[in-house]
Amino acid sequence: MTFTLRTVAKAVAKAAAITTLATVSSLSIAGEKWDMPMAYTDSNFHTQNAKAFAEAVKIATGGELEIKVHGGGSLFKGGEIKRAVQTGQAQIGERILSAHANESPVFAFDSVPFLATSFEESEKLMTAARPTLEKLLDKHNLVLLYSVPWPPGGFYAKKALDSGADLKGVKFRSYNSATARMAELSGAVPVQVEASELSQALSTGVAESFISSGATGYDRKVWEHLTHWYDVKVWLPRNYVFVNKQAWNGLDENTQNIVKGLALMAEKAGAARSEQLAGWYIEQLSAHGMKVAPAGEKLAADFKQIGDTMTKEWLSQAGADGQAILNAYNK
């Protein structure tokens, strides 16, 4: 079965209608409304996937649970979303996992360079990490619903790059500790910039380069400021959707089961859409004049060396939890 945002919503609605008729009378909530802040634009596939999920939840619960998606950092900025959900200012939210690596290295399992470089490997890694991640989130007063990968990350630049040495002194946009560390190891200067602020940062020269998928480049029209994209497939970072634990516990069991079932479908649909769009985004970068190419031999080797260093550092920081994730992944 091919999952898309629209077909998932329709399929879930049709299947859930039967369940809803049988369970709606037993729902303990009455017109529950949740706010869902997201950092990415309404046109981004993560946001579109969340809107399809929210629509399906409303239909499947007979309108007893409504989720209002607020895209583009309009309700809370990216860096504020997790805290807002933890404290109950919003009931549900989405954030890129690795943005919280400063709170625990477990959050950066998807940003270990070259550990998972394909969609299949990314799914396998998420399966391996899920039990550890769920335990960690419970301590943060959060419940994990679903997680969706970005397409493989590439390197954006405003000049040709032949080796890692060409990055020395370049202002490098970072959005987590992994990208900041990669900048440091390559001699670049890390600059913290949220996705919603990226276009302005590039136009004003605050940032000159960054690592991200083709999706970010397309969403932010980076061809207006940058010239090159190197397909290095360093990682497939993941976004995750989480719920405030008190809000979750306030739902009855039937509603929780409905939401969990739809979350599973949203995870599958989001991953399928990400994979479907991966090549298209790259085509769009090229169509708008950017030079798209794989990393040259020297540049690839330099990135691999940086990746080896970062892998050792992550394992040292993550300790037993990190090793458990890797062991499960390598089975």
C-alpha atoms as a PDB file:
ATOM      1  CA  MET A   1       0.000   0.000   0.000  1.00  0.00           C
ATOM      2  CA  THR A   2       1.280   3.461  -0.883  1.00  0.00           C
ATOM      3  CA  PHE A   3       0.908   5.900   1.992  1.00  0.00           C
ATOM      4  CA  THR A   4       0.374   9.586   1.276  1.00  0.00           C
ATOM      5  CA  LEU A   5      -0.849  12.399   3.454  1.00  0.00           C
ATOM      6  CA  ARG A   6      -4.255  12.490   1.814  1.00  0.00           C
ATOM      7  CA  THR A   7      -4.829   8.750   1.459  1.00  0.00           C
ATOM      8  CA  VAL A   8      -3.871   8.102   5.076  1.00  0.00           C
ATOM      9  CA  ALA A   9      -6.386  10.677   6.308  1.00  0.00           C
ATOM     10  CA  LYS A  10      -9.126   9.196   4.140  1.00  0.00           C
ATOM     11  CA  ALA A  11      -8.292   5.596   4.971  1.00  0.00           C
ATOM     12  CA  VAL A  12      -8.095   6.283   8.690  1.00  0.00           C
ATOM     13  CA  ALA A  13     -11.323   8.249   8.631  1.00  0.00           C
ATOM     14  CA  LYS A  14     -13.174   5.434   6.866  1.00  0.00           C
ATOM     15  CA  ALA A  15     -11.820   2.725   9.161  1.00  0.00           C
ATOM     16  CA  ALA A  16     -12.110   4.785  12.317  1.00  0.00           C
ATOM     17  CA  ALA A  17     -15.725   5.754  11.705  1.00  0.00           C
ATOM     18  CA  ILE A  18     -16.815   2.234  12.619  1.00  0.00           C
ATOM     19  CA  THR A  19     -14.715   2.267  15.781  1.00  0.00           C
ATOM     20  CA  THR A  20     -15.947   5.714  16.695  1.00  0.00           C
ATOM     21  CA  LEU A  21     -19.587   4.665  16.587  1.00  0.00           C
ATOM     22  CA  ALA A  22     -18.804   1.915  19.052  1.00  0.00           C
ATOM     23  CA  THR A  23     -16.627   3.950  21.393  1.00  0.00           C
ATOM     24  CA  VAL A  24     -17.688   7.573  21.273  1.00  0.00           C
ATOM     25  CA  SER A  25     -20.300   7.108  23.970  1.00  0.00           C
ATOM     26  CA  SER A  26     -17.623   5.892  26.378  1.00  0.00           C
ATOM     27  CA  LEU A  27     -15.142   8.723  25.779  1.00  0.00           C
ATOM     28  CA  SER A  28     -14.406  10.565  29.016  1.00  0.00           C
ATOM     29  CA  ILE A  29     -13.328  13.779  27.315  1.00  0.00           C
ATOM     30  CA  ALA A  30     -15.733  16.328  25.920  1.00  0.00           C
ATOM     31  CA  GLY A  31     -14.567  18.535  23.087  1.00  0.00           C
ATOM     32  CA  GLU A  32     -10.897  18.358  24.079  1.00  0.00           C
ATOM     33  CA  LYS A  33      -8.768  20.827  22.085  1.00  0.00           C
ATOM     34  CA  TRP A  34      -5.005  20.537  21.793  1.00  0.00           C
ATOM     35  CA  ASP A  35      -2.545  23.065  20.356  1.00  0.00           C
ATOM     36  CA  MET A  36       0.330  21.633  18.314  1.00  0.00           C
ATOM     37  CA  PRO A  37       3.222  24.057  17.671  1.00  0.00           C
ATOM     38  CA  MET A  38       5.660  23.180  14.883  1.00  0.00           C
ATOM     39  CA  ALA A  39       8.823  24.914  13.715  1.00  0.00           C
ATOM     40  CA  TYR A  40       8.440  24.341   9.977  1.00  0.00           C
ATOM     41  CA  THR A  41       6.363  26.127   7.364  1.00  0.00           C
ATOM     42  CA  ASP A  42       2.817  25.043   6.518  1.00  0.00           C
ATOM     43  CA  SER A  43       4.067  23.841   3.121  1.00  0.00           C
ATOM     44  CA  ASN A  44       6.708  21.537   4.626  1.00  0.00           C
ATOM     45  CA  PHE A  45       5.882  17.827   4.401  1.00  0.00           C
ATOM     46  CA  HIS A  46       6.290  17.340   8.167  1.00  0.00           C
ATOM     47  CA  THR A  47       3.666  20.007   8.828  1.00  0.00           C
ATOM     48  CA  GLN A  48       1.376  18.633   6.135  1.00  0.00           C
ATOM     49  CA  ASN A  49       1.709  15.161   7.632  1.00  0.00           C
ATOM     50  CA  ALA A  50       0.809  16.503  11.072  1.00  0.00           C
ATOM     51  CA  LYS A  51      -2.258  18.251   9.649  1.00  0.00           C
ATOM     52  CA  ALA A  52      -3.412  14.993   8.062  1.00  0.00           C
ATOM     53  CA  PHE A  53      -2.861  13.268  11.409  1.00  0.00           C
ATOM     54  CA  ALA A  54      -4.855  15.963  13.223  1.00  0.00           C
ATOM     55  CA  GLU A  55      -7.699  15.716  10.705  1.00  0.00           C
ATOM     56  CA  ALA A  56      -7.825  11.936  11.098  1.00  0.00           C
ATOM     57  CA  VAL A  57      -7.881  12.238  14.914  1.00  0.00           C
ATOM     58  CA  LYS A  58     -10.823  14.616  14.763  1.00  0.00           C
ATOM     59  CA  ILE A  59     -12.790  12.307  12.470  1.00  0.00           C
ATOM     60  CA  ALA A  60     -11.878   9.111  14.326  1.00  0.00           C
ATOM     61  CA  THR A  61     -12.903  10.522  17.699  1.00  0.00           C
ATOM     62  CA  GLY A  62     -16.114  12.048  16.412  1.00  0.00           C
ATOM     63  CA  GLY A  63     -14.765  15.530  17.121  1.00  0.00           C
ATOM     64  CA  GLU A  64     -14.116  14.722  20.784  1.00  0.00           C
ATOM     65  CA  LEU A  65     -10.402  15.455  20.318  1.00  0.00           C
ATOM     66  CA  GLU A  66      -9.288  18.287  18.060  1.00  0.00           C
ATOM     67  CA  ILE A  67      -5.660  19.155  17.365  1.00  0.00           C
ATOM     68  CA  LYS A  68      -4.843  22.617  16.003  1.00  0.00           C
ATOM     69  CA  VAL A  69      -1.530  22.656  14.125  1.00  0.00           C
ATOM     70  CA  HIS A  70       0.447  25.925  14.325  1.00  0.00           C
ATOM     71  CA  GLY A  71       3.207  25.839  11.683  1.00  0.00           C
ATOM     72  CA  GLY A  72       6.218  28.051  11.061  1.00  0.00           C
ATOM     73  CA  GLY A  73       6.978  28.749  14.718  1.00  0.00           C
ATOM     74  CA  SER A  74       3.839  30.890  14.895  1.00  0.00           C
ATOM     75  CA  LEU A  75       2.768  29.728  18.367  1.00  0.00           C
ATOM     76  CA  PHE A  76       6.166  28.864  19.849  1.00  0.00           C
ATOM     77  CA  LYS A  77       9.551  29.126  18.162  1.00  0.00           C
ATOM     78  CA  GLY A  78      11.424  25.906  17.526  1.00  0.00           C
ATOM     79  CA  GLY A  79      13.615  26.188  20.594  1.00  0.00           C
ATOM     80  CA  GLU A  80      10.578  26.797  22.815  1.00  0.00           C
ATOM     81  CA  ILE A  81       8.329  23.935  21.686  1.00  0.00           C
ATOM     82  CA  LYS A  82       9.551  21.080  23.867  1.00  0.00           C
ATOM     83  CA  ARG A  83       9.494  23.193  27.023  1.00  0.00           C
ATOM     84  CA  ALA A  84       6.020  24.488  26.164  1.00  0.00           C
ATOM     85  CA  VAL A  85       4.666  20.940  25.908  1.00  0.00           C
ATOM     86  CA  GLN A  86       6.517  19.747  29.002  1.00  0.00           C
ATOM     87  CA  THR A  87       4.925  22.501  31.076  1.00  0.00           C
ATOM     88  CA  GLY A  88       1.452  22.185  29.559  1.00  0.00           C
ATOM     89  CA  GLN A  89       1.428  25.494  27.674  1.00  0.00           C
ATOM     90  CA  ALA A  90       0.716  23.321  24.624  1.00  0.00           C
ATOM     91  CA  GLN A  91      -0.545  19.752  24.751  1.00  0.00           C
ATOM     92  CA  ILE A  92       1.329  18.316  21.764  1.00  0.00           C
ATOM     93  CA  GLY A  93       4.246  19.437  19.624  1.00  0.00           C
ATOM     94  CA  GLU A  94       6.928  18.506  17.137  1.00  0.00           C
ATOM     95  CA  ARG A  95      10.646  19.157  17.179  1.00  0.00           C
ATOM     96  CA  ILE A  96      13.782  17.802  15.562  1.00  0.00           C
ATOM     97  CA  LEU A  97      15.165  15.168  17.950  1.00  0.00           C
ATOM     98  CA  SER A  98      18.779  16.225  17.962  1.00  0.00           C
ATOM     99  CA  ALA A  99      17.921  19.785  19.001  1.00  0.00           C
ATOM    100  CA  HIS A 100      17.739  18.428  22.564  1.00  0.00           C
ATOM    101  CA  ALA A 101      21.124  16.692  22.603  1.00  0.00           C
ATOM    102  CA  ASN A 102      22.330  19.208  25.200  1.00  0.00           C
ATOM    103  CA  GLU A 103      19.750  17.698  27.566  1.00  0.00           C
ATOM    104  CA  SER A 104      20.780  14.106  26.856  1.00  0.00           C
ATOM    105  CA  PRO A 105      23.029  12.561  24.175  1.00  0.00           C
ATOM    106  CA  VAL A 106      20.304   9.964  23.562  1.00  0.00           C
ATOM    107  CA  PHE A 107      18.420  12.663  21.641  1.00  0.00           C
ATOM    108  CA  ALA A 108      21.288  12.668  19.114  1.00  0.00           C
ATOM    109  CA  PHE A 109      21.210   8.988  18.164  1.00  0.00           C
ATOM    110  CA  ASP A 110      19.973   9.941  14.682  1.00  0.00           C
ATOM    111  CA  SER A 111      22.815  12.434  14.234  1.00  0.00           C
ATOM    112  CA  VAL A 112      25.743  10.072  14.584  1.00  0.00           C
ATOM    113  CA  PRO A 113      27.437  10.702  11.217  1.00  0.00           C
ATOM    114  CA  PHE A 114      27.117   7.921   8.636  1.00  0.00           C
ATOM    115  CA  LEU A 115      25.462   5.501  11.076  1.00  0.00           C
ATOM    116  CA  ALA A 116      22.161   5.457   9.161  1.00  0.00           C
ATOM    117  CA  THR A 117      22.358   6.857   5.628  1.00  0.00           C
ATOM    118  CA  SER A 118      19.231   5.401   3.991  1.00  0.00           C
ATOM    119  CA  PHE A 119      15.533   5.348   4.827  1.00  0.00           C
ATOM    120  CA  GLU A 120      15.695   1.637   5.584  1.00  0.00           C
ATOM    121  CA  GLU A 121      18.592   2.137   7.983  1.00  0.00           C
ATOM    122  CA  SER A 122      16.878   5.127   9.565  1.00  0.00           C
ATOM    123  CA  GLU A 123      13.774   3.077  10.324  1.00  0.00           C
ATOM    124  CA  LYS A 124      15.891   0.278  11.759  1.00  0.00           C
ATOM    125  CA  LEU A 125      17.773   2.760  13.953  1.00  0.00           C
ATOM    126  CA  MET A 126      14.539   4.305  15.216  1.00  0.00           C
ATOM    127  CA  THR A 127      13.198   0.865  16.121  1.00  0.00           C
ATOM    128  CA  ALA A 128      16.394   0.148  18.035  1.00  0.00           C
ATOM    129  CA  ALA A 129      16.295   3.473  19.878  1.00  0.00           C
ATOM    130  CA  ARG A 130      12.566   3.704  20.627  1.00  0.00           C
ATOM    131  CA  PRO A 131      12.534   1.899  24.022  1.00  0.00           C
ATOM    132  CA  THR A 132      15.418   4.023  25.327  1.00  0.00           C
ATOM    133  CA  LEU A 133      13.897   7.207  23.907  1.00  0.00           C
ATOM    134  CA  GLU A 134      10.479   6.491  25.421  1.00  0.00           C
ATOM    135  CA  LYS A 135      12.017   5.997  28.881  1.00  0.00           C
ATOM    136  CA  LEU A 136      13.933   9.266  28.530  1.00  0.00           C
ATOM    137  CA  LEU A 137      10.855  11.197  27.411  1.00  0.00           C
ATOM    138  CA  ASP A 138       8.863   9.842  30.348  1.00  0.00           C
ATOM    139  CA  LYS A 139      11.372  11.540  32.648  1.00  0.00           C
ATOM    140  CA  HIS A 140      10.763  14.748  30.688  1.00  0.00           C
ATOM    141  CA  ASN A 141       6.984  14.495  31.254  1.00  0.00           C
ATOM    142  CA  LEU A 142       6.399  13.562  27.615  1.00  0.00           C
ATOM    143  CA  VAL A 143       4.878  10.677  25.655  1.00  0.00           C
ATOM    144  CA  LEU A 144       6.268   9.755  22.234  1.00  0.00           C
ATOM    145  CA  LEU A 145       3.681   9.479  19.451  1.00  0.00           C
ATOM    146  CA  TYR A 146       5.595   9.189  16.188  1.00  0.00           C
ATOM    147  CA  SER A 147       8.808  10.120  14.414  1.00  0.00           C
ATOM    148  CA  VAL A 148       9.513  10.929  10.760  1.00  0.00           C
ATOM    149  CA  PRO A 149      12.923  11.199   9.052  1.00  0.00           C
ATOM    150  CA  TRP A 150      14.107  13.993   6.829  1.00  0.00           C
ATOM    151  CA  PRO A 151      15.703  13.022   3.506  1.00  0.00           C
ATOM    152  CA  PRO A 152      19.479  12.380   3.728  1.00  0.00           C
ATOM    153  CA  GLY A 153      21.511  15.429   4.643  1.00  0.00           C
ATOM    154  CA  GLY A 154      23.707  17.226   2.150  1.00  0.00           C
ATOM    155  CA  PHE A 155      26.137  20.116   2.377  1.00  0.00           C
ATOM    156  CA  TYR A 156      25.145  23.600   1.199  1.00  0.00           C
ATOM    157  CA  ALA A 157      27.811  26.149   0.288  1.00  0.00           C
ATOM    158  CA  LYS A 158      28.287  29.399  -1.605  1.00  0.00           C
ATOM    159  CA  LYS A 159      31.465  28.162  -3.266  1.00  0.00           C
ATOM    160  CA  ALA A 160      32.948  24.929  -4.594  1.00  0.00           C
ATOM    161  CA  LEU A 161      34.376  22.616  -1.927  1.00  0.00           C
ATOM    162  CA  ASP A 162      37.274  20.327  -2.759  1.00  0.00           C
ATOM    163  CA  SER A 163      38.149  19.343   0.788  1.00  0.00           C
ATOM    164  CA  GLY A 164      37.276  20.031   4.402  1.00  0.00           C
ATOM    165  CA  ALA A 165      39.996  22.703   4.446  1.00  0.00           C
ATOM    166  CA  ASP A 166      37.788  24.870   2.226  1.00  0.00           C
ATOM    167  CA  LEU A 167      35.440  25.306   5.181  1.00  0.00           C
ATOM    168  CA  LYS A 168      37.963  27.022   7.400  1.00  0.00           C
ATOM    169  CA  GLY A 169      36.493  30.264   8.726  1.00  0.00           C
ATOM    170  CA  VAL A 170      33.150  29.761   6.944  1.00  0.00           C
ATOM    171  CA  LYS A 171      30.085  30.777   8.996  1.00  0.00           C
ATOM    172  CA  PHE A 172      28.241  27.492   9.359  1.00  0.00           C
ATOM    173  CA  ARG A 173      24.581  27.359  10.381  1.00  0.00           C
ATOM    174  CA  SER A 174      24.075  24.907  13.245  1.00  0.00           C
ATOM    175  CA  TYR A 175      20.744  23.743  14.675  1.00  0.00           C
ATOM    176  CA  ASN A 176      21.995  21.166  17.182  1.00  0.00           C
ATOM    177  CA  SER A 177      25.160  20.080  18.950  1.00  0.00           C
ATOM    178  CA  ALA A 178      26.062  17.642  16.151  1.00  0.00           C
ATOM    179  CA  THR A 179      26.092  20.296  13.427  1.00  0.00           C
ATOM    180  CA  ALA A 180      27.973  22.672  15.718  1.00  0.00           C
ATOM    181  CA  ARG A 181      30.588  20.006  16.440  1.00  0.00           C
ATOM    182  CA  MET A 182      30.929  19.164  12.749  1.00  0.00           C
ATOM    183  CA  ALA A 183      31.572  22.842  12.058  1.00  0.00           C
ATOM    184  CA  GLU A 184      34.224  23.014  14.774  1.00  0.00           C
ATOM    185  CA  LEU A 185      36.024  19.898  13.545  1.00  0.00           C
ATOM    186  CA  SER A 186      36.102  21.239   9.987  1.00  0.00           C
ATOM    187  CA  GLY A 187      37.429  24.639  11.030  1.00  0.00           C
ATOM    188  CA  ALA A 188      34.163  26.470  10.282  1.00  0.00           C
ATOM    189  CA  VAL A 189      32.450  28.881  12.675  1.00  0.00           C
ATOM    190  CA  PRO A 190      29.146  27.496  14.040  1.00  0.00           C
ATOM    191  CA  VAL A 191      26.218  29.930  14.193  1.00  0.00           C
ATOM    192  CA  GLN A 192      22.959  28.832  15.853  1.00  0.00           C
ATOM    193  CA  VAL A 193      20.071  29.531  13.438  1.00  0.00           C
ATOM    194  CA  GLU A 194      16.525  28.144  13.580  1.00  0.00           C
ATOM    195  CA  ALA A 195      14.902  26.953  10.347  1.00  0.00           C
ATOM    196  CA  SER A 196      12.405  29.825  10.447  1.00  0.00           C
ATOM    197  CA  GLU A 197      15.309  32.314  10.545  1.00  0.00           C
ATOM    198  CA  LEU A 198      17.498  30.651   7.920  1.00  0.00           C
ATOM    199  CA  SER A 199      16.554  32.786   4.910  1.00  0.00           C
ATOM    200  CA  GLN A 200      17.329  35.980   6.777  1.00  0.00           C
ATOM    201  CA  ALA A 201      20.594  34.566   8.109  1.00  0.00           C
ATOM    202  CA  LEU A 202      21.730  33.672   4.596  1.00  0.00           C
ATOM    203  CA  SER A 203      20.661  36.994   3.095  1.00  0.00           C
ATOM    204  CA  THR A 204      22.509  39.003   5.753  1.00  0.00           C
ATOM    205  CA  GLY A 205      25.633  36.851   5.739  1.00  0.00           C
ATOM    206  CA  VAL A 206      25.119  35.571   9.274  1.00  0.00           C
ATOM    207  CA  ALA A 207      25.405  32.064   7.795  1.00  0.00           C
ATOM    208  CA  GLU A 208      27.194  30.966   4.620  1.00  0.00           C
ATOM    209  CA  SER A 209      26.882  27.196   4.710  1.00  0.00           C
ATOM    210  CA  PHE A 210      25.021  24.363   6.434  1.00  0.00           C
ATOM    211  CA  ILE A 211      24.142  20.683   6.348  1.00  0.00           C
ATOM    212  CA  SER A 212      20.531  19.721   5.758  1.00  0.00           C
ATOM    213  CA  SER A 213      18.265  17.837   3.399  1.00  0.00           C
ATOM    214  CA  GLY A 214      17.014  19.105   0.074  1.00  0.00           C
ATOM    215  CA  ALA A 215      13.724  19.895   1.822  1.00  0.00           C
ATOM    216  CA  THR A 216      15.203  22.764   3.825  1.00  0.00           C
ATOM    217  CA  GLY A 217      16.910  24.190   0.772  1.00  0.00           C
ATOM    218  CA  TYR A 218      13.708  24.084  -1.224  1.00  0.00           C
ATOM    219  CA  ASP A 219      11.513  25.493   1.553  1.00  0.00           C
ATOM    220  CA  ARG A 220      13.895  28.400   2.131  1.00  0.00           C
ATOM    221  CA  LYS A 221      14.827  29.026  -1.529  1.00  0.00           C
ATOM    222  CA  VAL A 222      18.502  28.917  -0.642  1.00  0.00           C
ATOM    223  CA  TRP A 223      19.481  29.183  -4.314  1.00  0.00           C
ATOM    224  CA  GLU A 224      18.968  32.919  -3.845  1.00  0.00           C
ATOM    225  CA  HIS A 225      22.097  32.982  -1.669  1.00  0.00           C
ATOM    226  CA  LEU A 226      24.041  29.730  -2.140  1.00  0.00           C
ATOM    227  CA  THR A 227      25.466  27.976  -5.186  1.00  0.00           C
ATOM    228  CA  HIS A 228      26.400  24.364  -4.326  1.00  0.00           C
ATOM    229  CA  TRP A 229      24.813  21.278  -2.725  1.00  0.00           C
ATOM    230  CA  TYR A 230      26.939  18.203  -2.066  1.00  0.00           C
ATOM    231  CA  ASP A 231      25.148  14.892  -1.576  1.00  0.00           C
ATOM    232  CA  VAL A 232      27.143  13.505   1.362  1.00  0.00           C
ATOM    233  CA  LYS A 233      24.309  11.484   3.017  1.00  0.00           C
ATOM    234  CA  VAL A 234      25.734  12.205   6.442  1.00  0.00           C
ATOM    235  CA  TRP A 235      22.530  11.257   8.291  1.00  0.00           C
ATOM    236  CA  LEU A 236      18.736  11.284   8.175  1.00  0.00           C
ATOM    237  CA  PRO A 237      17.744  13.458  11.141  1.00  0.00           C
ATOM    238  CA  ARG A 238      14.310  12.782  12.570  1.00  0.00           C
ATOM    239  CA  ASN A 239      11.492  14.955  13.823  1.00  0.00           C
ATOM    240  CA  TYR A 240       9.354  13.573  16.605  1.00  0.00           C
ATOM    241  CA  VAL A 241       5.860  14.305  17.875  1.00  0.00           C
ATOM    242  CA  PHE A 242       5.301  14.211  21.611  1.00  0.00           C
ATOM    243  CA  VAL A 243       2.447  14.813  24.058  1.00  0.00           C
ATOM    244  CA  ASN A 244       2.352  16.292  27.543  1.00  0.00           C
ATOM    245  CA  LYS A 245       1.996  13.322  29.907  1.00  0.00           C
ATOM    246  CA  GLN A 246      -0.866  14.865  31.896  1.00  0.00           C
ATOM    247  CA  ALA A 247      -2.773  15.645  28.703  1.00  0.00           C
ATOM    248  CA  TRP A 248      -2.186  12.090  27.497  1.00  0.00           C
ATOM    249  CA  ASN A 249      -3.313  10.547  30.777  1.00  0.00           C
ATOM    250  CA  GLY A 250      -6.428  12.711  30.616  1.00  0.00           C
ATOM    251  CA  LEU A 251      -7.594  10.717  27.585  1.00  0.00           C
ATOM    252  CA  ASP A 252      -9.503   7.493  28.156  1.00  0.00           C
ATOM    253  CA  GLU A 253      -8.037   4.227  26.922  1.00  0.00           C
ATOM    254  CA  ASN A 254     -10.205   4.056  23.796  1.00  0.00           C
ATOM    255  CA  THR A 255      -9.079   7.499  22.673  1.00  0.00           C
ATOM    256  CA  GLN A 256      -5.456   6.725  23.432  1.00  0.00           C
ATOM    257  CA  ASN A 257      -5.671   3.606  21.277  1.00  0.00           C
ATOM    258  CA  ILE A 258      -7.207   5.566  18.410  1.00  0.00           C
ATOM    259  CA  VAL A 259      -4.487   8.224  18.613  1.00  0.00           C
ATOM    260  CA  LYS A 260      -1.715   5.612  18.830  1.00  0.00           C
ATOM    261  CA  GLY A 261      -3.073   3.805  15.782  1.00  0.00           C
ATOM    262  CA  LEU A 262      -3.227   7.013  13.781  1.00  0.00           C
ATOM    263  CA  ALA A 263       0.249   7.994  14.995  1.00  0.00           C
ATOM    264  CA  LEU A 264       1.621   4.732  13.619  1.00  0.00           C
ATOM    265  CA  MET A 265       0.029   5.475  10.245  1.00  0.00           C
ATOM    266  CA  ALA A 266       1.347   9.047  10.338  1.00  0.00           C
ATOM    267  CA  GLU A 267       4.853   7.712  10.949  1.00  0.00           C
ATOM    268  CA  LYS A 268       4.597   5.370   7.968  1.00  0.00           C
ATOM    269  CA  ALA A 269       3.026   8.038   5.765  1.00  0.00           C
ATOM    270  CA  GLY A 270       5.588  10.671   6.736  1.00  0.00           C
ATOM    271  CA  ALA A 271       8.528   8.386   6.030  1.00  0.00           C
ATOM    272  CA  ALA A 272       7.068   7.367   2.667  1.00  0.00           C
ATOM    273  CA  ARG A 273       6.509  11.002   1.736  1.00  0.00           C
ATOM    274  CA  SER A 274      10.018  11.951   2.805  1.00  0.00           C
ATOM    275  CA  GLU A 275      11.485   9.213   0.622  1.00  0.00           C
ATOM    276  CA  GLN A 276       9.220  10.163  -2.265  1.00  0.00           C
ATOM    277  CA  LEU A 277      10.287  13.808  -2.081  1.00  0.00           C
ATOM    278  CA  ALA A 278      14.012  13.217  -1.539  1.00  0.00           C
ATOM    279  CA  GLY A 279      14.944  13.104  -5.224  1.00  0.00           C
ATOM    280  CA  TRP A 280      12.436  15.766  -6.193  1.00  0.00           C
ATOM    281  CA  TYR A 281      13.929  18.294  -3.776  1.00  0.00           C
ATOM    282  CA  ILE A 282      17.369  17.744  -5.270  1.00  0.00           C
ATOM    283  CA  GLU A 283      15.961  18.178  -8.767  1.00  0.00           C
ATOM    284  CA  GLN A 284      14.444  21.487  -7.673  1.00  0.00           C
ATOM    285  CA  LEU A 285      17.754  22.755  -6.315  1.00  0.00           C
ATOM    286  CA  SER A 286      19.368  21.973  -9.655  1.00  0.00           C
ATOM    287  CA  ALA A 287      16.474  23.481 -11.615  1.00  0.00           C
ATOM    288  CA  HIS A 288      16.988  26.746  -9.739  1.00  0.00           C
ATOM    289  CA  GLY A 289      20.627  26.954 -10.714  1.00  0.00           C
ATOM    290  CA  MET A 290      22.451  25.240  -7.867  1.00  0.00           C
ATOM    291  CA  LYS A 291      25.322  22.891  -8.719  1.00  0.00           C
ATOM    292  CA  VAL A 292      24.312  19.503  -7.310  1.00  0.00           C
ATOM    293  CA  ALA A 293      26.961  16.789  -7.059  1.00  0.00           C
ATOM    294  CA  PRO A 294      28.297  14.042  -4.804  1.00  0.00           C
ATOM    295  CA  ALA A 295      31.192  14.986  -2.568  1.00  0.00           C
ATOM    296  CA  GLY A 296      34.582  14.551  -4.207  1.00  0.00           C
ATOM    297  CA  GLU A 297      36.985  11.899  -2.932  1.00  0.00           C
ATOM    298  CA  LYS A 298      38.955  14.237  -0.656  1.00  0.00           C
ATOM    299  CA  LEU A 299      35.885  16.036   0.707  1.00  0.00           C
ATOM    300  CA  ALA A 300      34.131  12.716   1.398  1.00  0.00           C
ATOM    301  CA  ALA A 301      37.221  11.357   3.161  1.00  0.00           C
ATOM    302  CA  ASP A 302      37.489  14.479   5.329  1.00  0.00           C
ATOM    303  CA  PHE A 303      33.814  14.219   6.316  1.00  0.00           C
ATOM    304  CA  LYS A 304      34.279  10.521   7.109  1.00  0.00           C
ATOM    305  CA  GLN A 305      37.189  11.328   9.410  1.00  0.00           C
ATOM    306  CA  ILE A 306      35.068  13.929  11.207  1.00  0.00           C
ATOM    307  CA  GLY A 307      32.262  11.374  11.438  1.00  0.00           C
ATOM    308  CA  ASP A 308      34.539   8.792  13.062  1.00  0.00           C
ATOM    309  CA  THR A 309      35.585  11.322  15.688  1.00  0.00           C
ATOM    310  CA  MET A 310      31.990  12.332  16.413  1.00  0.00           C
ATOM    311  CA  THR A 311      30.873   8.699  16.695  1.00  0.00           C
ATOM    312  CA  LYS A 312      33.481   8.006  19.361  1.00  0.00           C
ATOM    313  CA  GLU A 313      32.512  11.184  21.196  1.00  0.00           C
ATOM    314  CA  TRP A 314      28.808  10.302  21.125  1.00  0.00           C
ATOM    315  CA  LEU A 315      29.403   6.802  22.474  1.00  0.00           C
ATOM    316  CA  SER A 316      31.511   8.244  25.276  1.00  0.00           C
ATOM    317  CA  GLN A 317      28.779  10.748  26.164  1.00  0.00           C
ATOM    318  CA  ALA A 318      25.792   8.410  25.769  1.00  0.00           C
ATOM    319  CA  GLY A 319      27.365   5.589  27.748  1.00  0.00           C
ATOM    320  CA  ALA A 320      25.305   2.451  28.346  1.00  0.00           C
ATOM    321  CA  ASP A 321      22.195   3.926  26.678  1.00  0.00           C
ATOM    322  CA  GLY A 322      24.118   4.713  23.508  1.00  0.00           C
ATOM    323  CA  GLN A 323      25.748   1.311  23.432  1.00  0.00           C
ATOM    324  CA  ALA A 324      22.369  -0.376  23.929  1.00  0.00           C
ATOM    325  CA  ILE A 325      20.976   1.511  20.923  1.00  0.00           C
ATOM    326  CA  LEU A 326      23.952   0.547  18.758  1.00  0.00           C
ATOM    327  CA  ASN A 327      23.778  -3.090  19.873  1.00  0.00           C
ATOM    328  CA  ALA A 328      20.091  -3.292  19.007  1.00  0.00           C
ATOM    329  CA  TYR A 329      20.701  -1.541  15.679  1.00  0.00           C
ATOM    330  CA  ASN A 330      23.555  -3.861  14.693  1.00  0.00           C
ATOM    331  CA  LYS A 331      21.677  -7.095  15.477  1.00  0.00           C
END
